[in-house]
Amino acid sequence: MEAEVAAPHWQRSYWDHDTQNCGAASFGREIVMTILLVWNFVSNVLNVLRGVDAPVVLFASFIYAFGCLTVMVFFFVFHRAQR
């Protein structure tokens, strides 16, 4: 019978890094990022309506929010496909 030796500290992992857990973790992080960028977009819309910002600010803000939303949908589909 062989004695088992513990793995060195740099090889130990507290997470099981399979594709299902990675997809779920990425989806969770992307939800937070999407919420923040959509909030930023709404804030920019309100600032443009008040006359505080120039309307050109909405273009970049919309691109960021839309891009983050599409990545969130991708991670959601990826996570659902791993089940």
C-alpha atoms as a PDB file:
ATOM      1  CA  MET A   1       0.000   0.000   0.000  1.00  0.00           C
ATOM      2  CA  GLU A   2       1.442   3.349  -1.047  1.00  0.00           C
ATOM      3  CA  ALA A   3       1.236   6.390   1.153  1.00  0.00           C
ATOM      4  CA  GLU A   4      -0.544   9.356  -0.370  1.00  0.00           C
ATOM      5  CA  VAL A   5       1.364  12.598  -0.357  1.00  0.00           C
ATOM      6  CA  ALA A   6      -0.518  15.891  -0.221  1.00  0.00           C
ATOM      7  CA  ALA A   7      -0.240  18.093  -3.286  1.00  0.00           C
ATOM      8  CA  PRO A   8       1.962  21.164  -2.991  1.00  0.00           C
ATOM      9  CA  HIS A   9       0.131  24.375  -2.143  1.00  0.00           C
ATOM     10  CA  TRP A  10       0.453  25.745  -5.699  1.00  0.00           C
ATOM     11  CA  GLN A  11      -1.341  22.686  -7.085  1.00  0.00           C
ATOM     12  CA  ARG A  12      -4.240  22.715  -4.645  1.00  0.00           C
ATOM     13  CA  SER A  13      -7.441  24.211  -5.894  1.00  0.00           C
ATOM     14  CA  TYR A  14     -10.450  25.272  -3.892  1.00  0.00           C
ATOM     15  CA  TRP A  15     -12.637  25.236  -7.001  1.00  0.00           C
ATOM     16  CA  ASP A  16     -13.387  22.324  -9.238  1.00  0.00           C
ATOM     17  CA  HIS A  17     -12.360  23.841 -12.571  1.00  0.00           C
ATOM     18  CA  ASP A  18     -14.620  22.015 -14.951  1.00  0.00           C
ATOM     19  CA  THR A  19     -16.493  23.762 -17.749  1.00  0.00           C
ATOM     20  CA  GLN A  20     -19.805  23.853 -15.883  1.00  0.00           C
ATOM     21  CA  ASN A  21     -18.375  25.712 -12.883  1.00  0.00           C
ATOM     22  CA  CYS A  22     -16.359  28.058 -15.087  1.00  0.00           C
ATOM     23  CA  GLY A  23     -19.448  28.858 -17.135  1.00  0.00           C
ATOM     24  CA  ALA A  24     -21.486  29.567 -14.003  1.00  0.00           C
ATOM     25  CA  ALA A  25     -18.773  31.759 -12.499  1.00  0.00           C
ATOM     26  CA  SER A  26     -18.356  33.704 -15.729  1.00  0.00           C
ATOM     27  CA  PHE A  27     -22.107  34.143 -16.041  1.00  0.00           C
ATOM     28  CA  GLY A  28     -22.335  35.475 -12.490  1.00  0.00           C
ATOM     29  CA  ARG A  29     -19.552  37.985 -13.055  1.00  0.00           C
ATOM     30  CA  GLU A  30     -21.063  39.047 -16.343  1.00  0.00           C
ATOM     31  CA  ILE A  31     -24.432  39.713 -14.690  1.00  0.00           C
ATOM     32  CA  VAL A  32     -22.773  42.173 -12.321  1.00  0.00           C
ATOM     33  CA  MET A  33     -20.881  43.838 -15.164  1.00  0.00           C
ATOM     34  CA  THR A  34     -24.031  44.112 -17.290  1.00  0.00           C
ATOM     35  CA  ILE A  35     -25.973  45.684 -14.429  1.00  0.00           C
ATOM     36  CA  LEU A  36     -23.237  48.266 -13.921  1.00  0.00           C
ATOM     37  CA  LEU A  37     -22.964  49.149 -17.615  1.00  0.00           C
ATOM     38  CA  VAL A  38     -26.740  49.359 -18.106  1.00  0.00           C
ATOM     39  CA  TRP A  39     -26.911  51.606 -15.041  1.00  0.00           C
ATOM     40  CA  ASN A  40     -24.189  53.771 -16.600  1.00  0.00           C
ATOM     41  CA  PHE A  41     -26.159  53.931 -19.869  1.00  0.00           C
ATOM     42  CA  VAL A  42     -29.360  54.972 -18.069  1.00  0.00           C
ATOM     43  CA  SER A  43     -27.399  57.581 -16.129  1.00  0.00           C
ATOM     44  CA  ASN A  44     -25.954  58.952 -19.370  1.00  0.00           C
ATOM     45  CA  VAL A  45     -29.422  59.088 -20.957  1.00  0.00           C
ATOM     46  CA  LEU A  46     -30.721  61.068 -17.990  1.00  0.00           C
ATOM     47  CA  ASN A  47     -27.726  63.406 -18.145  1.00  0.00           C
ATOM     48  CA  VAL A  48     -28.296  64.025 -21.859  1.00  0.00           C
ATOM     49  CA  LEU A  49     -31.976  64.746 -21.216  1.00  0.00           C
ATOM     50  CA  ARG A  50     -30.990  67.241 -18.508  1.00  0.00           C
ATOM     51  CA  GLY A  51     -28.485  68.874 -20.842  1.00  0.00           C
ATOM     52  CA  VAL A  52     -25.450  67.992 -18.737  1.00  0.00           C
ATOM     53  CA  ASP A  53     -23.721  65.734 -21.298  1.00  0.00           C
ATOM     54  CA  ALA A  54     -23.437  65.845 -25.056  1.00  0.00           C
ATOM     55  CA  PRO A  55     -25.559  63.317 -26.971  1.00  0.00           C
ATOM     56  CA  VAL A  56     -22.420  61.720 -28.430  1.00  0.00           C
ATOM     57  CA  VAL A  57     -21.783  60.186 -24.981  1.00  0.00           C
ATOM     58  CA  LEU A  58     -24.756  57.881 -25.539  1.00  0.00           C
ATOM     59  CA  PHE A  59     -23.075  56.168 -28.486  1.00  0.00           C
ATOM     60  CA  ALA A  60     -20.122  54.744 -26.545  1.00  0.00           C
ATOM     61  CA  SER A  61     -22.277  53.982 -23.530  1.00  0.00           C
ATOM     62  CA  PHE A  62     -24.751  52.043 -25.678  1.00  0.00           C
ATOM     63  CA  ILE A  63     -21.958  50.075 -27.366  1.00  0.00           C
ATOM     64  CA  TYR A  64     -20.520  49.013 -23.996  1.00  0.00           C
ATOM     65  CA  ALA A  65     -23.913  48.075 -22.537  1.00  0.00           C
ATOM     66  CA  PHE A  66     -24.997  46.168 -25.656  1.00  0.00           C
ATOM     67  CA  GLY A  67     -21.674  44.337 -25.921  1.00  0.00           C
ATOM     68  CA  CYS A  68     -21.795  43.301 -22.293  1.00  0.00           C
ATOM     69  CA  LEU A  69     -25.401  42.154 -22.679  1.00  0.00           C
ATOM     70  CA  THR A  70     -24.516  39.946 -25.649  1.00  0.00           C
ATOM     71  CA  VAL A  71     -21.590  38.388 -23.764  1.00  0.00           C
ATOM     72  CA  MET A  72     -23.931  37.727 -20.820  1.00  0.00           C
ATOM     73  CA  VAL A  73     -26.370  35.951 -23.158  1.00  0.00           C
ATOM     74  CA  PHE A  74     -23.493  33.873 -24.525  1.00  0.00           C
ATOM     75  CA  PHE A  75     -22.414  32.800 -21.022  1.00  0.00           C
ATOM     76  CA  PHE A  76     -26.032  32.021 -20.123  1.00  0.00           C
ATOM     77  CA  VAL A  77     -26.422  29.768 -23.176  1.00  0.00           C
ATOM     78  CA  PHE A  78     -23.020  28.191 -22.509  1.00  0.00           C
ATOM     79  CA  HIS A  79     -23.938  27.493 -18.881  1.00  0.00           C
ATOM     80  CA  ARG A  80     -27.305  25.992 -19.871  1.00  0.00           C
ATOM     81  CA  ALA A  81     -25.628  23.784 -22.481  1.00  0.00           C
ATOM     82  CA  GLN A  82     -23.275  22.336 -19.856  1.00  0.00           C
ATOM     83  CA  ARG A  83     -26.112  20.874 -17.805  1.00  0.00           C
END
